[in-house]
Amino acid sequence: MSSRSFKVTVHDVPRKHLVGNWMSLNAATDQDDYAVLWQVFLNRLNQVPELGNDASYGVCANLKENLDCNYWTAIETHPGMAVPKGMVPITVSDGPYACLAHGYRVNLNEAYDYLCNQWER
């Protein structure tokens, strides 16, 4: 059970066009890979100053019960914008999303546990 409490809000998110990096990881066990992915993303982001002021996102896609997922570090772009070197595009469909606010590095395992086992559905 998660020892952290997260501030969760549900937002009706419009379709978003993002660019970033992703890798397959397990949210419970691959915390070192998670940290490295964010560091690589931030290093690449520093090379593209026009993107530096926009909100960045951590997006878990195709999350399985064993916590295997595709995890993205990404930033919003405008449709048709050139994809910066070393990044790939991702489109997030519109719809309701649970958004976790934090002032600290999110532990994916704790976040998943909180959403699935503690947060009021």
PDB file of N, CA and C in Angstrom:
ATOM      1  N   MET A   1       0.830  -1.172   0.000  1.00  0.00           N
ATOM      2  CA  MET A   1       0.000   0.000   0.000  1.00  0.00           C
ATOM      3  C   MET A   1       0.884   1.248   0.000  1.00  0.00           C
ATOM      4  N   SER A   2       0.500   2.229  -0.783  1.00  0.00           N
ATOM      5  CA  SER A   2       1.276   3.453  -0.909  1.00  0.00           C
ATOM      6  C   SER A   2       1.325   4.208   0.407  1.00  0.00           C
ATOM      7  N   SER A   3       2.511   4.689   0.756  1.00  0.00           N
ATOM      8  CA  SER A   3       2.643   5.487   1.969  1.00  0.00           C
ATOM      9  C   SER A   3       2.421   6.965   1.676  1.00  0.00           C
ATOM     10  N   ARG A   4       2.401   7.337   0.402  1.00  0.00           N
ATOM     11  CA  ARG A   4       2.176   8.719   0.009  1.00  0.00           C
ATOM     12  C   ARG A   4       0.715   8.946  -0.314  1.00  0.00           C
ATOM     13  N   SER A   5       0.323  10.185  -0.129  1.00  0.00           N
ATOM     14  CA  SER A   5      -1.005  10.590  -0.555  1.00  0.00           C
ATOM     15  C   SER A   5      -0.811  11.568  -1.709  1.00  0.00           C
ATOM     16  N   PHE A   6      -1.507  11.352  -2.786  1.00  0.00           N
ATOM     17  CA  PHE A   6      -1.374  12.189  -3.959  1.00  0.00           C
ATOM     18  C   PHE A   6      -2.605  13.069  -4.107  1.00  0.00           C
ATOM     19  N   LYS A   7      -2.418  14.254  -4.642  1.00  0.00           N
ATOM     20  CA  LYS A   7      -3.554  15.093  -4.986  1.00  0.00           C
ATOM     21  C   LYS A   7      -3.975  14.685  -6.394  1.00  0.00           C
ATOM     22  N   VAL A   8      -5.161  14.080  -6.494  1.00  0.00           N
ATOM     23  CA  VAL A   8      -5.651  13.586  -7.779  1.00  0.00           C
ATOM     24  C   VAL A   8      -6.835  14.424  -8.215  1.00  0.00           C
ATOM     25  N   THR A   9      -6.783  14.880  -9.439  1.00  0.00           N
ATOM     26  CA  THR A   9      -7.924  15.568 -10.037  1.00  0.00           C
ATOM     27  C   THR A   9      -8.210  14.899 -11.373  1.00  0.00           C
ATOM     28  N   VAL A  10      -9.456  14.928 -11.761  1.00  0.00           N
ATOM     29  CA  VAL A  10      -9.838  14.381 -13.053  1.00  0.00           C
ATOM     30  C   VAL A  10     -10.089  15.555 -13.991  1.00  0.00           C
ATOM     31  N   HIS A  11      -9.388  15.543 -15.110  1.00  0.00           N
ATOM     32  CA  HIS A  11      -9.518  16.616 -16.093  1.00  0.00           C
ATOM     33  C   HIS A  11     -10.013  16.027 -17.405  1.00  0.00           C
ATOM     34  N   ASP A  12     -10.891  16.763 -18.054  1.00  0.00           N
ATOM     35  CA  ASP A  12     -11.287  16.409 -19.407  1.00  0.00           C
ATOM     36  C   ASP A  12     -10.238  17.042 -20.313  1.00  0.00           C
ATOM     37  N   VAL A  13      -9.271  16.255 -20.721  1.00  0.00           N
ATOM     38  CA  VAL A  13      -8.096  16.748 -21.442  1.00  0.00           C
ATOM     39  C   VAL A  13      -8.363  16.738 -22.943  1.00  0.00           C
ATOM     40  N   PRO A  14      -8.091  17.856 -23.614  1.00  0.00           N
ATOM     41  CA  PRO A  14      -8.205  17.846 -25.070  1.00  0.00           C
ATOM     42  C   PRO A  14      -7.059  17.025 -25.670  1.00  0.00           C
ATOM     43  N   ARG A  15      -7.204  16.650 -26.914  1.00  0.00           N
ATOM     44  CA  ARG A  15      -6.142  15.931 -27.622  1.00  0.00           C
ATOM     45  C   ARG A  15      -4.855  16.735 -27.525  1.00  0.00           C
ATOM     46  N   LYS A  16      -3.768  16.059 -27.207  1.00  0.00           N
ATOM     47  CA  LYS A  16      -2.477  16.733 -27.068  1.00  0.00           C
ATOM     48  C   LYS A  16      -1.456  16.105 -28.006  1.00  0.00           C
ATOM     49  N   HIS A  17      -0.652  16.973 -28.591  1.00  0.00           N
ATOM     50  CA  HIS A  17       0.470  16.536 -29.419  1.00  0.00           C
ATOM     51  C   HIS A  17       1.731  16.759 -28.591  1.00  0.00           C
ATOM     52  N   LEU A  18       2.456  15.675 -28.347  1.00  0.00           N
ATOM     53  CA  LEU A  18       3.645  15.727 -27.514  1.00  0.00           C
ATOM     54  C   LEU A  18       4.848  15.206 -28.286  1.00  0.00           C
ATOM     55  N   VAL A  19       6.030  15.593 -27.850  1.00  0.00           N
ATOM     56  CA  VAL A  19       7.268  14.963 -28.320  1.00  0.00           C
ATOM     57  C   VAL A  19       8.073  14.591 -27.081  1.00  0.00           C
ATOM     58  N   GLY A  20       8.832  13.521 -27.198  1.00  0.00           N
ATOM     59  CA  GLY A  20       9.646  13.111 -26.068  1.00  0.00           C
ATOM     60  C   GLY A  20      10.320  11.785 -26.311  1.00  0.00           C
ATOM     61  N   ASN A  21      10.563  11.099 -25.216  1.00  0.00           N
ATOM     62  CA  ASN A  21      11.242   9.804 -25.239  1.00  0.00           C
ATOM     63  C   ASN A  21      10.414   8.807 -24.464  1.00  0.00           C
ATOM     64  N   TRP A  22      10.564   7.526 -24.789  1.00  0.00           N
ATOM     65  CA  TRP A  22       9.841   6.496 -24.048  1.00  0.00           C
ATOM     66  C   TRP A  22      10.687   5.246 -23.948  1.00  0.00           C
ATOM     67  N   MET A  23      10.290   4.415 -23.020  1.00  0.00           N
ATOM     68  CA  MET A  23      10.909   3.097 -22.902  1.00  0.00           C
ATOM     69  C   MET A  23       9.911   2.169 -22.243  1.00  0.00           C
ATOM     70  N   SER A  24      10.076   0.895 -22.476  1.00  0.00           N
ATOM     71  CA  SER A  24       9.278  -0.107 -21.766  1.00  0.00           C
ATOM     72  C   SER A  24       9.921  -0.295 -20.406  1.00  0.00           C
ATOM     73  N   LEU A  25       9.105  -0.207 -19.375  1.00  0.00           N
ATOM     74  CA  LEU A  25       9.634  -0.446 -18.036  1.00  0.00           C
ATOM     75  C   LEU A  25       8.543  -1.040 -17.157  1.00  0.00           C
ATOM     76  N   ASN A  26       8.943  -1.468 -15.989  1.00  0.00           N
ATOM     77  CA  ASN A  26       8.001  -1.967 -15.008  1.00  0.00           C
ATOM     78  C   ASN A  26       7.930  -0.918 -13.905  1.00  0.00           C
ATOM     79  N   ALA A  27       6.734  -0.377 -13.682  1.00  0.00           N
ATOM     80  CA  ALA A  27       6.562   0.724 -12.735  1.00  0.00           C
ATOM     81  C   ALA A  27       6.978   0.347 -11.318  1.00  0.00           C
ATOM     82  N   ALA A  28       6.967  -0.930 -10.990  1.00  0.00           N
ATOM     83  CA  ALA A  28       7.321  -1.360  -9.631  1.00  0.00           C
ATOM     84  C   ALA A  28       8.817  -1.526  -9.436  1.00  0.00           C
ATOM     85  N   THR A  29       9.528  -1.918 -10.475  1.00  0.00           N
ATOM     86  CA  THR A  29      10.922  -2.322 -10.264  1.00  0.00           C
ATOM     87  C   THR A  29      11.963  -1.497 -11.008  1.00  0.00           C
ATOM     88  N   ASP A  30      11.568  -0.704 -11.965  1.00  0.00           N
ATOM     89  CA  ASP A  30      12.547  -0.033 -12.823  1.00  0.00           C
ATOM     90  C   ASP A  30      12.733   1.446 -12.485  1.00  0.00           C
ATOM     91  N   GLN A  31      12.806   1.769 -11.204  1.00  0.00           N
ATOM     92  CA  GLN A  31      12.911   3.171 -10.808  1.00  0.00           C
ATOM     93  C   GLN A  31      14.202   3.830 -11.289  1.00  0.00           C
ATOM     94  N   ASP A  32      15.306   3.082 -11.387  1.00  0.00           N
ATOM     95  CA  ASP A  32      16.550   3.671 -11.887  1.00  0.00           C
ATOM     96  C   ASP A  32      16.405   4.043 -13.360  1.00  0.00           C
ATOM     97  N   ASP A  33      15.771   3.151 -14.154  1.00  0.00           N
ATOM     98  CA  ASP A  33      15.542   3.456 -15.569  1.00  0.00           C
ATOM     99  C   ASP A  33      14.625   4.665 -15.714  1.00  0.00           C
ATOM    100  N   TYR A  34      13.644   4.768 -14.847  1.00  0.00           N
ATOM    101  CA  TYR A  34      12.718   5.894 -14.846  1.00  0.00           C
ATOM    102  C   TYR A  34      13.478   7.207 -14.648  1.00  0.00           C
ATOM    103  N   ALA A  35      14.387   7.240 -13.686  1.00  0.00           N
ATOM    104  CA  ALA A  35      15.179   8.440 -13.406  1.00  0.00           C
ATOM    105  C   ALA A  35      16.090   8.782 -14.586  1.00  0.00           C
ATOM    106  N   VAL A  36      16.708   7.776 -15.191  1.00  0.00           N
ATOM    107  CA  VAL A  36      17.593   8.000 -16.333  1.00  0.00           C
ATOM    108  C   VAL A  36      16.793   8.544 -17.523  1.00  0.00           C
ATOM    109  N   LEU A  37      15.594   8.015 -17.750  1.00  0.00           N
ATOM    110  CA  LEU A  37      14.760   8.484 -18.853  1.00  0.00           C
ATOM    111  C   LEU A  37      14.445   9.967 -18.691  1.00  0.00           C
ATOM    112  N   TRP A  38      14.106  10.403 -17.469  1.00  0.00           N
ATOM    113  CA  TRP A  38      13.840  11.821 -17.229  1.00  0.00           C
ATOM    114  C   TRP A  38      15.090  12.657 -17.452  1.00  0.00           C
ATOM    115  N   GLN A  39      16.254  12.173 -17.032  1.00  0.00           N
ATOM    116  CA  GLN A  39      17.486  12.936 -17.212  1.00  0.00           C
ATOM    117  C   GLN A  39      17.826  13.092 -18.686  1.00  0.00           C
ATOM    118  N   VAL A  40      17.677  12.023 -19.465  1.00  0.00           N
ATOM    119  CA  VAL A  40      17.922  12.099 -20.914  1.00  0.00           C
ATOM    120  C   VAL A  40      16.963  13.096 -21.551  1.00  0.00           C
ATOM    121  N   PHE A  41      15.692  13.022 -21.164  1.00  0.00           N
ATOM    122  CA  PHE A  41      14.688  13.940 -21.703  1.00  0.00           C
ATOM    123  C   PHE A  41      15.045  15.392 -21.389  1.00  0.00           C
ATOM    124  N   LEU A  42      15.399  15.671 -20.135  1.00  0.00           N
ATOM    125  CA  LEU A  42      15.734  17.040 -19.752  1.00  0.00           C
ATOM    126  C   LEU A  42      16.980  17.535 -20.477  1.00  0.00           C
ATOM    127  N   ASN A  43      17.963  16.667 -20.682  1.00  0.00           N
ATOM    128  CA  ASN A  43      19.153  17.048 -21.446  1.00  0.00           C
ATOM    129  C   ASN A  43      18.783  17.414 -22.880  1.00  0.00           C
ATOM    130  N   ARG A  44      17.907  16.623 -23.504  1.00  0.00           N
ATOM    131  CA  ARG A  44      17.483  16.923 -24.876  1.00  0.00           C
ATOM    132  C   ARG A  44      16.636  18.188 -24.911  1.00  0.00           C
ATOM    133  N   LEU A  45      15.810  18.373 -23.910  1.00  0.00           N
ATOM    134  CA  LEU A  45      14.954  19.550 -23.843  1.00  0.00           C
ATOM    135  C   LEU A  45      15.783  20.828 -23.750  1.00  0.00           C
ATOM    136  N   ASN A  46      16.887  20.775 -23.026  1.00  0.00           N
ATOM    137  CA  ASN A  46      17.769  21.938 -22.908  1.00  0.00           C
ATOM    138  C   ASN A  46      18.351  22.355 -24.253  1.00  0.00           C
ATOM    139  N   GLN A  47      18.391  21.442 -25.210  1.00  0.00           N
ATOM    140  CA  GLN A  47      18.921  21.747 -26.546  1.00  0.00           C
ATOM    141  C   GLN A  47      17.869  22.368 -27.459  1.00  0.00           C
ATOM    142  N   VAL A  48      16.616  22.446 -26.988  1.00  0.00           N
ATOM    143  CA  VAL A  48      15.516  23.005 -27.781  1.00  0.00           C
ATOM    144  C   VAL A  48      14.857  24.100 -26.942  1.00  0.00           C
ATOM    145  N   PRO A  49      15.467  25.292 -26.880  1.00  0.00           N
ATOM    146  CA  PRO A  49      14.985  26.337 -25.972  1.00  0.00           C
ATOM    147  C   PRO A  49      13.525  26.739 -26.196  1.00  0.00           C
ATOM    148  N   GLU A  50      13.018  26.634 -27.415  1.00  0.00           N
ATOM    149  CA  GLU A  50      11.631  27.046 -27.665  1.00  0.00           C
ATOM    150  C   GLU A  50      10.616  26.141 -26.972  1.00  0.00           C
ATOM    151  N   LEU A  51      11.034  24.976 -26.485  1.00  0.00           N
ATOM    152  CA  LEU A  51      10.128  24.086 -25.766  1.00  0.00           C
ATOM    153  C   LEU A  51      10.282  24.195 -24.256  1.00  0.00           C
ATOM    154  N   GLY A  52      11.291  24.865 -23.785  1.00  0.00           N
ATOM    155  CA  GLY A  52      11.650  24.847 -22.375  1.00  0.00           C
ATOM    156  C   GLY A  52      10.638  25.385 -21.398  1.00  0.00           C
ATOM    157  N   ASN A  53       9.708  26.238 -21.838  1.00  0.00           N
ATOM    158  CA  ASN A  53       8.773  26.848 -20.890  1.00  0.00           C
ATOM    159  C   ASN A  53       7.432  26.134 -20.809  1.00  0.00           C
ATOM    160  N   ASP A  54       7.228  25.122 -21.625  1.00  0.00           N
ATOM    161  CA  ASP A  54       5.956  24.414 -21.616  1.00  0.00           C
ATOM    162  C   ASP A  54       5.954  23.325 -20.548  1.00  0.00           C
ATOM    163  N   ALA A  55       4.756  22.893 -20.166  1.00  0.00           N
ATOM    164  CA  ALA A  55       4.621  21.837 -19.163  1.00  0.00           C
ATOM    165  C   ALA A  55       5.143  20.520 -19.715  1.00  0.00           C
ATOM    166  N   SER A  56       5.837  19.779 -18.889  1.00  0.00           N
ATOM    167  CA  SER A  56       6.290  18.450 -19.298  1.00  0.00           C
ATOM    168  C   SER A  56       5.405  17.413 -18.621  1.00  0.00           C
ATOM    169  N   TYR A  57       5.331  16.240 -19.235  1.00  0.00           N
ATOM    170  CA  TYR A  57       4.427  15.196 -18.774  1.00  0.00           C
ATOM    171  C   TYR A  57       5.160  13.870 -18.643  1.00  0.00           C
ATOM    172  N   GLY A  58       4.735  13.082 -17.690  1.00  0.00           N
ATOM    173  CA  GLY A  58       5.088  11.677 -17.618  1.00  0.00           C
ATOM    174  C   GLY A  58       3.815  10.920 -17.964  1.00  0.00           C
ATOM    175  N   VAL A  59       3.869  10.114 -19.005  1.00  0.00           N
ATOM    176  CA  VAL A  59       2.665   9.429 -19.484  1.00  0.00           C
ATOM    177  C   VAL A  59       2.904   7.928 -19.472  1.00  0.00           C
ATOM    178  N   CYS A  60       2.078   7.207 -18.704  1.00  0.00           N
ATOM    179  CA  CYS A  60       2.127   5.750 -18.694  1.00  0.00           C
ATOM    180  C   CYS A  60       1.118   5.250 -19.722  1.00  0.00           C
ATOM    181  N   ALA A  61       1.570   4.477 -20.679  1.00  0.00           N
ATOM    182  CA  ALA A  61       0.673   3.938 -21.703  1.00  0.00           C
ATOM    183  C   ALA A  61       0.739   2.413 -21.680  1.00  0.00           C
ATOM    184  N   ASN A  62      -0.373   1.788 -22.015  1.00  0.00           N
ATOM    185  CA  ASN A  62      -0.448   0.325 -22.092  1.00  0.00           C
ATOM    186  C   ASN A  62      -0.044  -0.342 -20.782  1.00  0.00           C
ATOM    187  N   LEU A  63      -0.510   0.225 -19.670  1.00  0.00           N
ATOM    188  CA  LEU A  63      -0.176  -0.302 -18.353  1.00  0.00           C
ATOM    189  C   LEU A  63      -0.868  -1.641 -18.126  1.00  0.00           C
ATOM    190  N   LYS A  64      -0.076  -2.644 -17.759  1.00  0.00           N
ATOM    191  CA  LYS A  64      -0.607  -3.982 -17.502  1.00  0.00           C
ATOM    192  C   LYS A  64      -0.703  -4.222 -15.993  1.00  0.00           C
ATOM    193  N   GLU A  65      -1.415  -5.253 -15.616  1.00  0.00           N
ATOM    194  CA  GLU A  65      -1.621  -5.545 -14.197  1.00  0.00           C
ATOM    195  C   GLU A  65      -0.306  -5.786 -13.459  1.00  0.00           C
ATOM    196  N   ASN A  66       0.699  -6.343 -14.132  1.00  0.00           N
ATOM    197  CA  ASN A  66       1.999  -6.582 -13.490  1.00  0.00           C
ATOM    198  C   ASN A  66       2.869  -5.319 -13.463  1.00  0.00           C
ATOM    199  N   LEU A  67       2.311  -4.193 -13.918  1.00  0.00           N
ATOM    200  CA  LEU A  67       2.928  -2.867 -13.948  1.00  0.00           C
ATOM    201  C   LEU A  67       3.938  -2.674 -15.072  1.00  0.00           C
ATOM    202  N   ASP A  68       3.996  -3.578 -16.045  1.00  0.00           N
ATOM    203  CA  ASP A  68       4.754  -3.307 -17.261  1.00  0.00           C
ATOM    204  C   ASP A  68       4.009  -2.210 -18.011  1.00  0.00           C
ATOM    205  N   CYS A  69       4.757  -1.261 -18.578  1.00  0.00           N
ATOM    206  CA  CYS A  69       4.110  -0.185 -19.328  1.00  0.00           C
ATOM    207  C   CYS A  69       5.116   0.437 -20.290  1.00  0.00           C
ATOM    208  N   ASN A  70       4.604   1.282 -21.164  1.00  0.00           N
ATOM    209  CA  ASN A  70       5.442   2.165 -21.959  1.00  0.00           C
ATOM    210  C   ASN A  70       5.376   3.509 -21.247  1.00  0.00           C
ATOM    211  N   TYR A  71       6.512   4.013 -20.803  1.00  0.00           N
ATOM    212  CA  TYR A  71       6.529   5.264 -20.057  1.00  0.00           C
ATOM    213  C   TYR A  71       7.173   6.346 -20.907  1.00  0.00           C
ATOM    214  N   TRP A  72       6.461   7.446 -21.063  1.00  0.00           N
ATOM    215  CA  TRP A  72       6.909   8.585 -21.858  1.00  0.00           C
ATOM    216  C   TRP A  72       7.303   9.753 -20.971  1.00  0.00           C
ATOM    217  N   THR A  73       8.383  10.412 -21.316  1.00  0.00           N
ATOM    218  CA  THR A  73       8.693  11.746 -20.821  1.00  0.00           C
ATOM    219  C   THR A  73       8.477  12.641 -22.023  1.00  0.00           C
ATOM    220  N   ALA A  74       7.613  13.640 -21.898  1.00  0.00           N
ATOM    221  CA  ALA A  74       7.223  14.384 -23.088  1.00  0.00           C
ATOM    222  C   ALA A  74       6.842  15.820 -22.752  1.00  0.00           C
ATOM    223  N   ILE A  75       6.780  16.622 -23.801  1.00  0.00           N
ATOM    224  CA  ILE A  75       6.376  18.018 -23.682  1.00  0.00           C
ATOM    225  C   ILE A  75       5.423  18.327 -24.824  1.00  0.00           C
ATOM    226  N   GLU A  76       4.464  19.207 -24.557  1.00  0.00           N
ATOM    227  CA  GLU A  76       3.457  19.530 -25.566  1.00  0.00           C
ATOM    228  C   GLU A  76       4.063  20.382 -26.683  1.00  0.00           C
ATOM    229  N   THR A  77       3.651  20.083 -27.903  1.00  0.00           N
ATOM    230  CA  THR A  77       4.073  20.862 -29.069  1.00  0.00           C
ATOM    231  C   THR A  77       2.842  21.228 -29.878  1.00  0.00           C
ATOM    232  N   HIS A  78       3.070  21.990 -30.908  1.00  0.00           N
ATOM    233  CA  HIS A  78       1.991  22.363 -31.813  1.00  0.00           C
ATOM    234  C   HIS A  78       1.956  21.360 -32.958  1.00  0.00           C
ATOM    235  N   PRO A  79       0.752  20.999 -33.433  1.00  0.00           N
ATOM    236  CA  PRO A  79       0.666  20.068 -34.566  1.00  0.00           C
ATOM    237  C   PRO A  79       1.481  20.601 -35.743  1.00  0.00           C
ATOM    238  N   GLY A  80       2.232  19.729 -36.355  1.00  0.00           N
ATOM    239  CA  GLY A  80       3.044  20.108 -37.512  1.00  0.00           C
ATOM    240  C   GLY A  80       4.430  20.620 -37.168  1.00  0.00           C
ATOM    241  N   MET A  81       4.702  20.850 -35.889  1.00  0.00           N
ATOM    242  CA  MET A  81       6.041  21.303 -35.493  1.00  0.00           C
ATOM    243  C   MET A  81       7.048  20.188 -35.749  1.00  0.00           C
ATOM    244  N   ALA A  82       8.224  20.561 -36.185  1.00  0.00           N
ATOM    245  CA  ALA A  82       9.270  19.574 -36.426  1.00  0.00           C
ATOM    246  C   ALA A  82       9.619  18.869 -35.119  1.00  0.00           C
ATOM    247  N   VAL A  83       9.874  17.577 -35.203  1.00  0.00           N
ATOM    248  CA  VAL A  83      10.237  16.787 -34.028  1.00  0.00           C
ATOM    249  C   VAL A  83      11.731  16.992 -33.760  1.00  0.00           C
ATOM    250  N   PRO A  84      12.093  17.467 -32.556  1.00  0.00           N
ATOM    251  CA  PRO A  84      13.504  17.679 -32.246  1.00  0.00           C
ATOM    252  C   PRO A  84      14.309  16.381 -32.340  1.00  0.00           C
ATOM    253  N   LYS A  85      15.575  16.523 -32.684  1.00  0.00           N
ATOM    254  CA  LYS A  85      16.476  15.376 -32.809  1.00  0.00           C
ATOM    255  C   LYS A  85      16.491  14.564 -31.520  1.00  0.00           C
ATOM    256  N   GLY A  86      16.357  13.248 -31.663  1.00  0.00           N
ATOM    257  CA  GLY A  86      16.403  12.347 -30.525  1.00  0.00           C
ATOM    258  C   GLY A  86      15.066  12.144 -29.834  1.00  0.00           C
ATOM    259  N   MET A  87      14.014  12.829 -30.309  1.00  0.00           N
ATOM    260  CA  MET A  87      12.684  12.680 -29.721  1.00  0.00           C
ATOM    261  C   MET A  87      11.735  12.080 -30.748  1.00  0.00           C
ATOM    262  N   VAL A  88      10.616  11.577 -30.270  1.00  0.00           N
ATOM    263  CA  VAL A  88       9.590  11.016 -31.152  1.00  0.00           C
ATOM    264  C   VAL A  88       8.231  11.596 -30.748  1.00  0.00           C
ATOM    265  N   PRO A  89       7.279  11.655 -31.698  1.00  0.00           N
ATOM    266  CA  PRO A  89       5.964  12.216 -31.377  1.00  0.00           C
ATOM    267  C   PRO A  89       5.052  11.199 -30.706  1.00  0.00           C
ATOM    268  N   ILE A  90       4.139  11.713 -29.900  1.00  0.00           N
ATOM    269  CA  ILE A  90       3.073  10.915 -29.302  1.00  0.00           C
ATOM    270  C   ILE A  90       1.832  11.799 -29.284  1.00  0.00           C
ATOM    271  N   THR A  91       0.690  11.210 -29.564  1.00  0.00           N
ATOM    272  CA  THR A  91      -0.573  11.925 -29.467  1.00  0.00           C
ATOM    273  C   THR A  91      -1.387  11.295 -28.349  1.00  0.00           C
ATOM    274  N   VAL A  92      -1.844  12.131 -27.429  1.00  0.00           N
ATOM    275  CA  VAL A  92      -2.691  11.675 -26.331  1.00  0.00           C
ATOM    276  C   VAL A  92      -4.124  12.002 -26.730  1.00  0.00           C
ATOM    277  N   SER A  93      -4.959  10.973 -26.784  1.00  0.00           N
ATOM    278  CA  SER A  93      -6.362  11.159 -27.170  1.00  0.00           C
ATOM    279  C   SER A  93      -7.078  12.035 -26.154  1.00  0.00           C
ATOM    280  N   ASP A  94      -8.133  12.698 -26.598  1.00  0.00           N
ATOM    281  CA  ASP A  94      -8.928  13.503 -25.679  1.00  0.00           C
ATOM    282  C   ASP A  94      -9.760  12.598 -24.787  1.00  0.00           C
ATOM    283  N   GLY A  95     -10.171  13.121 -23.654  1.00  0.00           N
ATOM    284  CA  GLY A  95     -11.000  12.358 -22.731  1.00  0.00           C
ATOM    285  C   GLY A  95     -10.643  12.649 -21.292  1.00  0.00           C
ATOM    286  N   PRO A  96     -11.296  11.970 -20.360  1.00  0.00           N
ATOM    287  CA  PRO A  96     -11.004  12.194 -18.932  1.00  0.00           C
ATOM    288  C   PRO A  96      -9.729  11.457 -18.506  1.00  0.00           C
ATOM    289  N   TYR A  97      -8.884  12.149 -17.762  1.00  0.00           N
ATOM    290  CA  TYR A  97      -7.638  11.574 -17.259  1.00  0.00           C
ATOM    291  C   TYR A  97      -7.499  11.898 -15.778  1.00  0.00           C
ATOM    292  N   ALA A  98      -6.997  10.938 -15.013  1.00  0.00           N
ATOM    293  CA  ALA A  98      -6.630  11.195 -13.620  1.00  0.00           C
ATOM    294  C   ALA A  98      -5.242  11.825 -13.644  1.00  0.00           C
ATOM    295  N   CYS A  99      -5.131  12.998 -13.051  1.00  0.00           N
ATOM    296  CA  CYS A  99      -3.865  13.728 -13.045  1.00  0.00           C
ATOM    297  C   CYS A  99      -3.355  13.813 -11.614  1.00  0.00           C
ATOM    298  N   LEU A 100      -2.108  13.420 -11.403  1.00  0.00           N
ATOM    299  CA  LEU A 100      -1.502  13.442 -10.080  1.00  0.00           C
ATOM    300  C   LEU A 100      -0.580  14.643  -9.986  1.00  0.00           C
ATOM    301  N   ALA A 101      -0.866  15.523  -9.030  1.00  0.00           N
ATOM    302  CA  ALA A 101      -0.012  16.675  -8.802  1.00  0.00           C
ATOM    303  C   ALA A 101       1.018  16.303  -7.741  1.00  0.00           C
ATOM    304  N   HIS A 102       2.221  16.819  -7.913  1.00  0.00           N
ATOM    305  CA  HIS A 102       3.277  16.497  -6.950  1.00  0.00           C
ATOM    306  C   HIS A 102       4.323  17.595  -6.942  1.00  0.00           C
ATOM    307  N   GLY A 103       5.015  17.693  -5.859  1.00  0.00           N
ATOM    308  CA  GLY A 103       6.146  18.604  -5.745  1.00  0.00           C
ATOM    309  C   GLY A 103       7.422  17.820  -5.540  1.00  0.00           C
ATOM    310  N   TYR A 104       7.383  16.550  -5.863  1.00  0.00           N
ATOM    311  CA  TYR A 104       8.505  15.652  -5.658  1.00  0.00           C
ATOM    312  C   TYR A 104       8.488  14.607  -6.765  1.00  0.00           C
ATOM    313  N   ARG A 105       9.558  13.856  -6.864  1.00  0.00           N
ATOM    314  CA  ARG A 105       9.620  12.811  -7.884  1.00  0.00           C
ATOM    315  C   ARG A 105       8.595  11.729  -7.582  1.00  0.00           C
ATOM    316  N   VAL A 106       7.756  11.443  -8.545  1.00  0.00           N
ATOM    317  CA  VAL A 106       6.710  10.441  -8.352  1.00  0.00           C
ATOM    318  C   VAL A 106       7.304   9.046  -8.472  1.00  0.00           C
ATOM    319  N   ASN A 107       6.982   8.204  -7.514  1.00  0.00           N
ATOM    320  CA  ASN A 107       7.318   6.797  -7.592  1.00  0.00           C
ATOM    321  C   ASN A 107       6.154   6.128  -8.317  1.00  0.00           C
ATOM    322  N   LEU A 108       6.398   5.574  -9.495  1.00  0.00           N
ATOM    323  CA  LEU A 108       5.314   5.036 -10.315  1.00  0.00           C
ATOM    324  C   LEU A 108       4.548   3.927  -9.617  1.00  0.00           C
ATOM    325  N   ASN A 109       5.250   3.094  -8.886  1.00  0.00           N
ATOM    326  CA  ASN A 109       4.587   2.004  -8.172  1.00  0.00           C
ATOM    327  C   ASN A 109       3.618   2.555  -7.129  1.00  0.00           C
ATOM    328  N   GLU A 110       4.058   3.549  -6.360  1.00  0.00           N
ATOM    329  CA  GLU A 110       3.188   4.153  -5.357  1.00  0.00           C
ATOM    330  C   GLU A 110       2.006   4.873  -6.007  1.00  0.00           C
ATOM    331  N   ALA A 111       2.264   5.570  -7.115  1.00  0.00           N
ATOM    332  CA  ALA A 111       1.182   6.275  -7.802  1.00  0.00           C
ATOM    333  C   ALA A 111       0.138   5.291  -8.318  1.00  0.00           C
ATOM    334  N   TYR A 112       0.595   4.206  -8.924  1.00  0.00           N
ATOM    335  CA  TYR A 112      -0.332   3.194  -9.439  1.00  0.00           C
ATOM    336  C   TYR A 112      -1.129   2.576  -8.293  1.00  0.00           C
ATOM    337  N   ASP A 113      -0.438   2.228  -7.220  1.00  0.00           N
ATOM    338  CA  ASP A 113      -1.111   1.630  -6.069  1.00  0.00           C
ATOM    339  C   ASP A 113      -2.148   2.599  -5.497  1.00  0.00           C
ATOM    340  N   TYR A 114      -1.789   3.862  -5.395  1.00  0.00           N
ATOM    341  CA  TYR A 114      -2.713   4.854  -4.857  1.00  0.00           C
ATOM    342  C   TYR A 114      -3.949   4.969  -5.740  1.00  0.00           C
ATOM    343  N   LEU A 115      -3.744   5.083  -7.049  1.00  0.00           N
ATOM    344  CA  LEU A 115      -4.895   5.224  -7.961  1.00  0.00           C
ATOM    345  C   LEU A 115      -5.793   3.996  -7.951  1.00  0.00           C
ATOM    346  N   CYS A 116      -5.192   2.813  -7.932  1.00  0.00           N
ATOM    347  CA  CYS A 116      -5.977   1.585  -8.071  1.00  0.00           C
ATOM    348  C   CYS A 116      -6.536   1.049  -6.760  1.00  0.00           C
ATOM    349  N   ASN A 117      -5.881   1.331  -5.648  1.00  0.00           N
ATOM    350  CA  ASN A 117      -6.278   0.698  -4.393  1.00  0.00           C
ATOM    351  C   ASN A 117      -6.747   1.651  -3.296  1.00  0.00           C
ATOM    352  N   GLN A 118      -6.434   2.942  -3.411  1.00  0.00           N
ATOM    353  CA  GLN A 118      -6.802   3.857  -2.342  1.00  0.00           C
ATOM    354  C   GLN A 118      -7.716   4.994  -2.792  1.00  0.00           C
ATOM    355  N   TRP A 119      -7.480   5.496  -3.983  1.00  0.00           N
ATOM    356  CA  TRP A 119      -8.241   6.641  -4.473  1.00  0.00           C
ATOM    357  C   TRP A 119      -9.685   6.237  -4.690  1.00  0.00           C
ATOM    358  N   GLU A 120     -10.592   7.095  -4.301  1.00  0.00           N
ATOM    359  CA  GLU A 120     -12.010   6.820  -4.507  1.00  0.00           C
ATOM    360  C   GLU A 120     -12.312   6.780  -5.996  1.00  0.00           C
ATOM    361  N   ARG A 121     -12.843   5.666  -6.457  1.00  0.00           N
ATOM    362  CA  ARG A 121     -13.078   5.512  -7.894  1.00  0.00           C
ATOM    363  C   ARG A 121     -14.287   6.309  -8.314  1.00  0.00           C
TER     364      ARG A 121
END
